[in-house]
Amino acid sequence: MSVIFVLIGASLLVATGFLITFLWAVRSGQMDDRVTPSVRILFDDEPKELENNNNVSSQLTDQEKKELN
């Protein structure tokens, strides 16, 4: 039974250590994302044709969809 108390105490100690490390990382700026905003312009947007096709297909009736397939 005393082993359970030792394990609970050890787990609380480890969890407290992780919490302290996480809070230190957040306060020191480790979680700041400085790369994504500068690289975001390099990513392509979805083509407009794909968006238009999705809108057209949502306006078709069930019968028209069956005819297209």
PDB file of N, CA and C in Angstrom:
ATOM      1  N   MET A   1       0.821  -1.199   0.000  1.00  0.00           N
ATOM      2  CA  MET A   1       0.000   0.000   0.000  1.00  0.00           C
ATOM      3  C   MET A   1       0.859   1.255   0.000  1.00  0.00           C
ATOM      4  N   SER A   2       2.001   1.198   0.661  1.00  0.00           N
ATOM      5  CA  SER A   2       2.853   2.381   0.714  1.00  0.00           C
ATOM      6  C   SER A   2       3.495   2.680  -0.641  1.00  0.00           C
ATOM      7  N   VAL A   3       3.590   1.648  -1.507  1.00  0.00           N
ATOM      8  CA  VAL A   3       4.143   1.867  -2.851  1.00  0.00           C
ATOM      9  C   VAL A   3       3.246   2.799  -3.643  1.00  0.00           C
ATOM     10  N   ILE A   4       1.942   2.695  -3.471  1.00  0.00           N
ATOM     11  CA  ILE A   4       0.999   3.557  -4.188  1.00  0.00           C
ATOM     12  C   ILE A   4       1.230   5.016  -3.799  1.00  0.00           C
ATOM     13  N   PHE A   5       1.444   5.263  -2.511  1.00  0.00           N
ATOM     14  CA  PHE A   5       1.682   6.637  -2.069  1.00  0.00           C
ATOM     15  C   PHE A   5       2.987   7.180  -2.640  1.00  0.00           C
ATOM     16  N   VAL A   6       3.995   6.347  -2.744  1.00  0.00           N
ATOM     17  CA  VAL A   6       5.273   6.764  -3.327  1.00  0.00           C
ATOM     18  C   VAL A   6       5.087   7.069  -4.812  1.00  0.00           C
ATOM     19  N   LEU A   7       4.355   6.226  -5.517  1.00  0.00           N
ATOM     20  CA  LEU A   7       4.121   6.446  -6.951  1.00  0.00           C
ATOM     21  C   LEU A   7       3.278   7.695  -7.198  1.00  0.00           C
ATOM     22  N   ILE A   8       2.264   7.921  -6.372  1.00  0.00           N
ATOM     23  CA  ILE A   8       1.444   9.129  -6.515  1.00  0.00           C
ATOM     24  C   ILE A   8       2.298  10.369  -6.256  1.00  0.00           C
ATOM     25  N   GLY A   9       3.125  10.323  -5.229  1.00  0.00           N
ATOM     26  CA  GLY A   9       4.003  11.457  -4.942  1.00  0.00           C
ATOM     27  C   GLY A   9       4.996  11.709  -6.066  1.00  0.00           C
ATOM     28  N   ALA A  10       5.566  10.634  -6.628  1.00  0.00           N
ATOM     29  CA  ALA A  10       6.515  10.784  -7.732  1.00  0.00           C
ATOM     30  C   ALA A  10       5.823  11.342  -8.970  1.00  0.00           C
ATOM     31  N   SER A  11       4.604  10.874  -9.247  1.00  0.00           N
ATOM     32  CA  SER A  11       3.887  11.371 -10.424  1.00  0.00           C
ATOM     33  C   SER A  11       3.511  12.839 -10.264  1.00  0.00           C
ATOM     34  N   LEU A  12       3.140  13.246  -9.058  1.00  0.00           N
ATOM     35  CA  LEU A  12       2.839  14.658  -8.826  1.00  0.00           C
ATOM     36  C   LEU A  12       4.093  15.519  -8.970  1.00  0.00           C
ATOM     37  N   LEU A  13       5.217  14.992  -8.530  1.00  0.00           N
ATOM     38  CA  LEU A  13       6.478  15.716  -8.671  1.00  0.00           C
ATOM     39  C   LEU A  13       6.858  15.892 -10.146  1.00  0.00           C
ATOM     40  N   VAL A  14       6.708  14.831 -10.924  1.00  0.00           N
ATOM     41  CA  VAL A  14       7.011  14.912 -12.357  1.00  0.00           C
ATOM     42  C   VAL A  14       6.035  15.857 -13.059  1.00  0.00           C
ATOM     43  N   ALA A  15       4.750  15.770 -12.731  1.00  0.00           N
ATOM     44  CA  ALA A  15       3.755  16.649 -13.353  1.00  0.00           C
ATOM     45  C   ALA A  15       4.033  18.105 -13.018  1.00  0.00           C
ATOM     46  N   THR A  16       4.433  18.387 -11.791  1.00  0.00           N
ATOM     47  CA  THR A  16       4.776  19.756 -11.400  1.00  0.00           C
ATOM     48  C   THR A  16       5.990  20.248 -12.170  1.00  0.00           C
ATOM     49  N   GLY A  17       6.953  19.362 -12.374  1.00  0.00           N
ATOM     50  CA  GLY A  17       8.134  19.722 -13.159  1.00  0.00           C
ATOM     51  C   GLY A  17       7.788  20.073 -14.597  1.00  0.00           C
ATOM     52  N   PHE A  18       6.909  19.264 -15.200  1.00  0.00           N
ATOM     53  CA  PHE A  18       6.479  19.558 -16.570  1.00  0.00           C
ATOM     54  C   PHE A  18       5.715  20.877 -16.635  1.00  0.00           C
ATOM     55  N   LEU A  19       4.866  21.143 -15.654  1.00  0.00           N
ATOM     56  CA  LEU A  19       4.107  22.393 -15.635  1.00  0.00           C
ATOM     57  C   LEU A  19       5.037  23.593 -15.513  1.00  0.00           C
ATOM     58  N   ILE A  20       6.018  23.503 -14.643  1.00  0.00           N
ATOM     59  CA  ILE A  20       6.971  24.606 -14.467  1.00  0.00           C
ATOM     60  C   ILE A  20       7.770  24.819 -15.752  1.00  0.00           C
ATOM     61  N   THR A  21       8.195  23.730 -16.394  1.00  0.00           N
ATOM     62  CA  THR A  21       8.952  23.841 -17.650  1.00  0.00           C
ATOM     63  C   THR A  21       8.093  24.461 -18.750  1.00  0.00           C
ATOM     64  N   PHE A  22       6.837  24.064 -18.831  1.00  0.00           N
ATOM     65  CA  PHE A  22       5.936  24.623 -19.831  1.00  0.00           C
ATOM     66  C   PHE A  22       5.724  26.113 -19.611  1.00  0.00           C
ATOM     67  N   LEU A  23       5.466  26.511 -18.380  1.00  0.00           N
ATOM     68  CA  LEU A  23       5.266  27.932 -18.088  1.00  0.00           C
ATOM     69  C   LEU A  23       6.522  28.746 -18.376  1.00  0.00           C
ATOM     70  N   TRP A  24       7.694  28.195 -18.080  1.00  0.00           N
ATOM     71  CA  TRP A  24       8.946  28.881 -18.403  1.00  0.00           C
ATOM     72  C   TRP A  24       9.089  29.066 -19.910  1.00  0.00           C
ATOM     73  N   ALA A  25       8.741  28.017 -20.688  1.00  0.00           N
ATOM     74  CA  ALA A  25       8.863  28.094 -22.140  1.00  0.00           C
ATOM     75  C   ALA A  25       7.915  29.143 -22.718  1.00  0.00           C
ATOM     76  N   VAL A  26       6.709  29.225 -22.182  1.00  0.00           N
ATOM     77  CA  VAL A  26       5.740  30.202 -22.684  1.00  0.00           C
ATOM     78  C   VAL A  26       6.206  31.622 -22.369  1.00  0.00           C
ATOM     79  N   ARG A  27       6.682  31.830 -21.168  1.00  0.00           N
ATOM     80  CA  ARG A  27       7.101  33.183 -20.773  1.00  0.00           C
ATOM     81  C   ARG A  27       8.376  33.628 -21.467  1.00  0.00           C
ATOM     82  N   SER A  28       9.232  32.694 -21.842  1.00  0.00           N
ATOM     83  CA  SER A  28      10.489  33.079 -22.482  1.00  0.00           C
ATOM     84  C   SER A  28      10.359  33.208 -24.002  1.00  0.00           C
ATOM     85  N   GLY A  29       9.155  32.973 -24.541  1.00  0.00           N
ATOM     86  CA  GLY A  29       8.934  33.174 -25.967  1.00  0.00           C
ATOM     87  C   GLY A  29       9.182  31.951 -26.817  1.00  0.00           C
ATOM     88  N   GLN A  30       9.287  30.789 -26.217  1.00  0.00           N
ATOM     89  CA  GLN A  30       9.534  29.572 -26.981  1.00  0.00           C
ATOM     90  C   GLN A  30       8.349  29.200 -27.865  1.00  0.00           C
ATOM     91  N   MET A  31       7.159  29.666 -27.528  1.00  0.00           N
ATOM     92  CA  MET A  31       5.963  29.294 -28.273  1.00  0.00           C
ATOM     93  C   MET A  31       5.607  30.319 -29.354  1.00  0.00           C
ATOM     94  N   ASP A  32       6.368  31.386 -29.481  1.00  0.00           N
ATOM     95  CA  ASP A  32       6.095  32.386 -30.507  1.00  0.00           C
ATOM     96  C   ASP A  32       6.411  31.818 -31.882  1.00  0.00           C
ATOM     97  N   ASP A  33       5.515  32.031 -32.817  1.00  0.00           N
ATOM     98  CA  ASP A  33       5.696  31.534 -34.176  1.00  0.00           C
ATOM     99  C   ASP A  33       6.130  32.696 -35.052  1.00  0.00           C
ATOM    100  N   ARG A  34       7.394  32.702 -35.395  1.00  0.00           N
ATOM    101  CA  ARG A  34       7.929  33.791 -36.214  1.00  0.00           C
ATOM    102  C   ARG A  34       8.145  33.373 -37.656  1.00  0.00           C
ATOM    103  N   VAL A  35       7.962  32.100 -37.967  1.00  0.00           N
ATOM    104  CA  VAL A  35       8.241  31.599 -39.305  1.00  0.00           C
ATOM    105  C   VAL A  35       6.997  31.593 -40.176  1.00  0.00           C
ATOM    106  N   THR A  36       5.884  31.132 -39.645  1.00  0.00           N
ATOM    107  CA  THR A  36       4.684  30.956 -40.459  1.00  0.00           C
ATOM    108  C   THR A  36       4.194  32.242 -41.107  1.00  0.00           C
ATOM    109  N   PRO A  37       4.123  33.380 -40.422  1.00  0.00           N
ATOM    110  CA  PRO A  37       3.647  34.580 -41.104  1.00  0.00           C
ATOM    111  C   PRO A  37       4.507  34.987 -42.299  1.00  0.00           C
ATOM    112  N   SER A  38       5.802  34.772 -42.220  1.00  0.00           N
ATOM    113  CA  SER A  38       6.664  35.174 -43.333  1.00  0.00           C
ATOM    114  C   SER A  38       6.617  34.181 -44.484  1.00  0.00           C
ATOM    115  N   VAL A  39       6.190  32.954 -44.236  1.00  0.00           N
ATOM    116  CA  VAL A  39       6.164  31.929 -45.279  1.00  0.00           C
ATOM    117  C   VAL A  39       4.754  31.759 -45.847  1.00  0.00           C
ATOM    118  N   ARG A  40       3.761  32.291 -45.176  1.00  0.00           N
ATOM    119  CA  ARG A  40       2.368  32.103 -45.582  1.00  0.00           C
ATOM    120  C   ARG A  40       2.117  32.601 -46.999  1.00  0.00           C
ATOM    121  N   ILE A  41       2.807  33.634 -47.421  1.00  0.00           N
ATOM    122  CA  ILE A  41       2.587  34.176 -48.760  1.00  0.00           C
ATOM    123  C   ILE A  41       3.041  33.208 -49.844  1.00  0.00           C
ATOM    124  N   LEU A  42       3.893  32.273 -49.508  1.00  0.00           N
ATOM    125  CA  LEU A  42       4.391  31.316 -50.487  1.00  0.00           C
ATOM    126  C   LEU A  42       3.413  30.182 -50.753  1.00  0.00           C
ATOM    127  N   PHE A  43       2.432  29.969 -49.877  1.00  0.00           N
ATOM    128  CA  PHE A  43       1.470  28.894 -50.064  1.00  0.00           C
ATOM    129  C   PHE A  43       0.416  29.327 -51.070  1.00  0.00           C
ATOM    130  N   ASP A  44       0.055  28.406 -51.964  1.00  0.00           N
ATOM    131  CA  ASP A  44      -0.970  28.692 -52.954  1.00  0.00           C
ATOM    132  C   ASP A  44      -2.349  28.601 -52.321  1.00  0.00           C
ATOM    133  N   ASP A  45      -3.232  29.481 -52.768  1.00  0.00           N
ATOM    134  CA  ASP A  45      -4.624  29.388 -52.360  1.00  0.00           C
ATOM    135  C   ASP A  45      -5.309  28.345 -53.226  1.00  0.00           C
ATOM    136  N   GLU A  46      -6.507  27.931 -52.821  1.00  0.00           N
ATOM    137  CA  GLU A  46      -7.262  27.008 -53.651  1.00  0.00           C
ATOM    138  C   GLU A  46      -7.675  27.727 -54.926  1.00  0.00           C
ATOM    139  N   PRO A  47      -7.621  27.032 -56.050  1.00  0.00           N
ATOM    140  CA  PRO A  47      -8.027  27.677 -57.305  1.00  0.00           C
ATOM    141  C   PRO A  47      -9.509  28.049 -57.276  1.00  0.00           C
ATOM    142  N   LYS A  48      -9.825  29.153 -57.919  1.00  0.00           N
ATOM    143  CA  LYS A  48     -11.207  29.646 -57.948  1.00  0.00           C
ATOM    144  C   LYS A  48     -12.120  28.684 -58.705  1.00  0.00           C
ATOM    145  N   GLU A  49     -11.594  27.962 -59.698  1.00  0.00           N
ATOM    146  CA  GLU A  49     -12.414  27.031 -60.465  1.00  0.00           C
ATOM    147  C   GLU A  49     -12.984  25.941 -59.567  1.00  0.00           C
ATOM    148  N   LEU A  50     -12.180  25.453 -58.647  1.00  0.00           N
ATOM    149  CA  LEU A  50     -12.636  24.402 -57.741  1.00  0.00           C
ATOM    150  C   LEU A  50     -13.764  24.903 -56.863  1.00  0.00           C
ATOM    151  N   GLU A  51     -13.652  26.128 -56.370  1.00  0.00           N
ATOM    152  CA  GLU A  51     -14.707  26.692 -55.539  1.00  0.00           C
ATOM    153  C   GLU A  51     -15.989  26.864 -56.339  1.00  0.00           C
ATOM    154  N   ASN A  52     -15.883  27.302 -57.597  1.00  0.00           N
ATOM    155  CA  ASN A  52     -17.072  27.491 -58.428  1.00  0.00           C
ATOM    156  C   ASN A  52     -17.749  26.158 -58.718  1.00  0.00           C
ATOM    157  N   ASN A  53     -16.971  25.108 -58.975  1.00  0.00           N
ATOM    158  CA  ASN A  53     -17.552  23.794 -59.241  1.00  0.00           C
ATOM    159  C   ASN A  53     -18.291  23.271 -58.022  1.00  0.00           C
ATOM    160  N   ASN A  54     -17.768  23.519 -56.844  1.00  0.00           N
ATOM    161  CA  ASN A  54     -18.437  23.067 -55.631  1.00  0.00           C
ATOM    162  C   ASN A  54     -19.775  23.778 -55.450  1.00  0.00           C
ATOM    163  N   ASN A  55     -19.823  25.073 -55.774  1.00  0.00           N
ATOM    164  CA  ASN A  55     -21.076  25.813 -55.646  1.00  0.00           C
ATOM    165  C   ASN A  55     -22.107  25.320 -56.651  1.00  0.00           C
ATOM    166  N   VAL A  56     -21.677  25.014 -57.873  1.00  0.00           N
ATOM    167  CA  VAL A  56     -22.595  24.546 -58.904  1.00  0.00           C
ATOM    168  C   VAL A  56     -23.137  23.181 -58.521  1.00  0.00           C
ATOM    169  N   SER A  57     -22.273  22.290 -58.022  1.00  0.00           N
ATOM    170  CA  SER A  57     -22.747  20.953 -57.693  1.00  0.00           C
ATOM    171  C   SER A  57     -23.707  20.973 -56.518  1.00  0.00           C
ATOM    172  N   SER A  58     -23.569  21.932 -55.634  1.00  0.00           N
ATOM    173  CA  SER A  58     -24.490  21.993 -54.503  1.00  0.00           C
ATOM    174  C   SER A  58     -25.856  22.511 -54.936  1.00  0.00           C
ATOM    175  N   GLN A  59     -25.932  23.182 -56.090  1.00  0.00           N
ATOM    176  CA  GLN A  59     -27.197  23.719 -56.559  1.00  0.00           C
ATOM    177  C   GLN A  59     -27.944  22.730 -57.460  1.00  0.00           C
ATOM    178  N   LEU A  60     -27.292  21.635 -57.846  1.00  0.00           N
ATOM    179  CA  LEU A  60     -27.941  20.656 -58.712  1.00  0.00           C
ATOM    180  C   LEU A  60     -28.935  19.822 -57.921  1.00  0.00           C
ATOM    181  N   THR A  61     -29.965  19.377 -58.623  1.00  0.00           N
ATOM    182  CA  THR A  61     -30.927  18.482 -57.985  1.00  0.00           C
ATOM    183  C   THR A  61     -30.360  17.067 -57.980  1.00  0.00           C
ATOM    184  N   ASP A  62     -31.020  16.177 -57.256  1.00  0.00           N
ATOM    185  CA  ASP A  62     -30.560  14.793 -57.191  1.00  0.00           C
ATOM    186  C   ASP A  62     -30.590  14.133 -58.565  1.00  0.00           C
ATOM    187  N   GLN A  63     -31.606  14.425 -59.372  1.00  0.00           N
ATOM    188  CA  GLN A  63     -31.720  13.845 -60.696  1.00  0.00           C
ATOM    189  C   GLN A  63     -30.570  14.307 -61.586  1.00  0.00           C
ATOM    190  N   GLU A  64     -30.218  15.576 -61.535  1.00  0.00           N
ATOM    191  CA  GLU A  64     -29.121  16.099 -62.346  1.00  0.00           C
ATOM    192  C   GLU A  64     -27.790  15.490 -61.924  1.00  0.00           C
ATOM    193  N   LYS A  65     -27.615  15.263 -60.608  1.00  0.00           N
ATOM    194  CA  LYS A  65     -26.381  14.645 -60.128  1.00  0.00           C
ATOM    195  C   LYS A  65     -26.255  13.212 -60.647  1.00  0.00           C
ATOM    196  N   LYS A  66     -27.388  12.487 -60.681  1.00  0.00           N
ATOM    197  CA  LYS A  66     -27.368  11.115 -61.196  1.00  0.00           C
ATOM    198  C   LYS A  66     -27.023  11.104 -62.675  1.00  0.00           C
ATOM    199  N   GLU A  67     -27.520  12.076 -63.427  1.00  0.00           N
ATOM    200  CA  GLU A  67     -27.226  12.138 -64.850  1.00  0.00           C
ATOM    201  C   GLU A  67     -25.766  12.446 -65.115  1.00  0.00           C
ATOM    202  N   LEU A  68     -25.150  13.237 -64.263  1.00  0.00           N
ATOM    203  CA  LEU A  68     -23.738  13.572 -64.442  1.00  0.00           C
ATOM    204  C   LEU A  68     -22.844  12.369 -64.153  1.00  0.00           C
ATOM    205  N   ASN A  69     -23.256  11.532 -63.232  1.00  0.00           N
ATOM    206  CA  ASN A  69     -22.445  10.341 -62.888  1.00  0.00           C
ATOM    207  C   ASN A  69     -22.705   9.287 -63.900  1.00  0.00           C
TER     208      ASN A  69
END
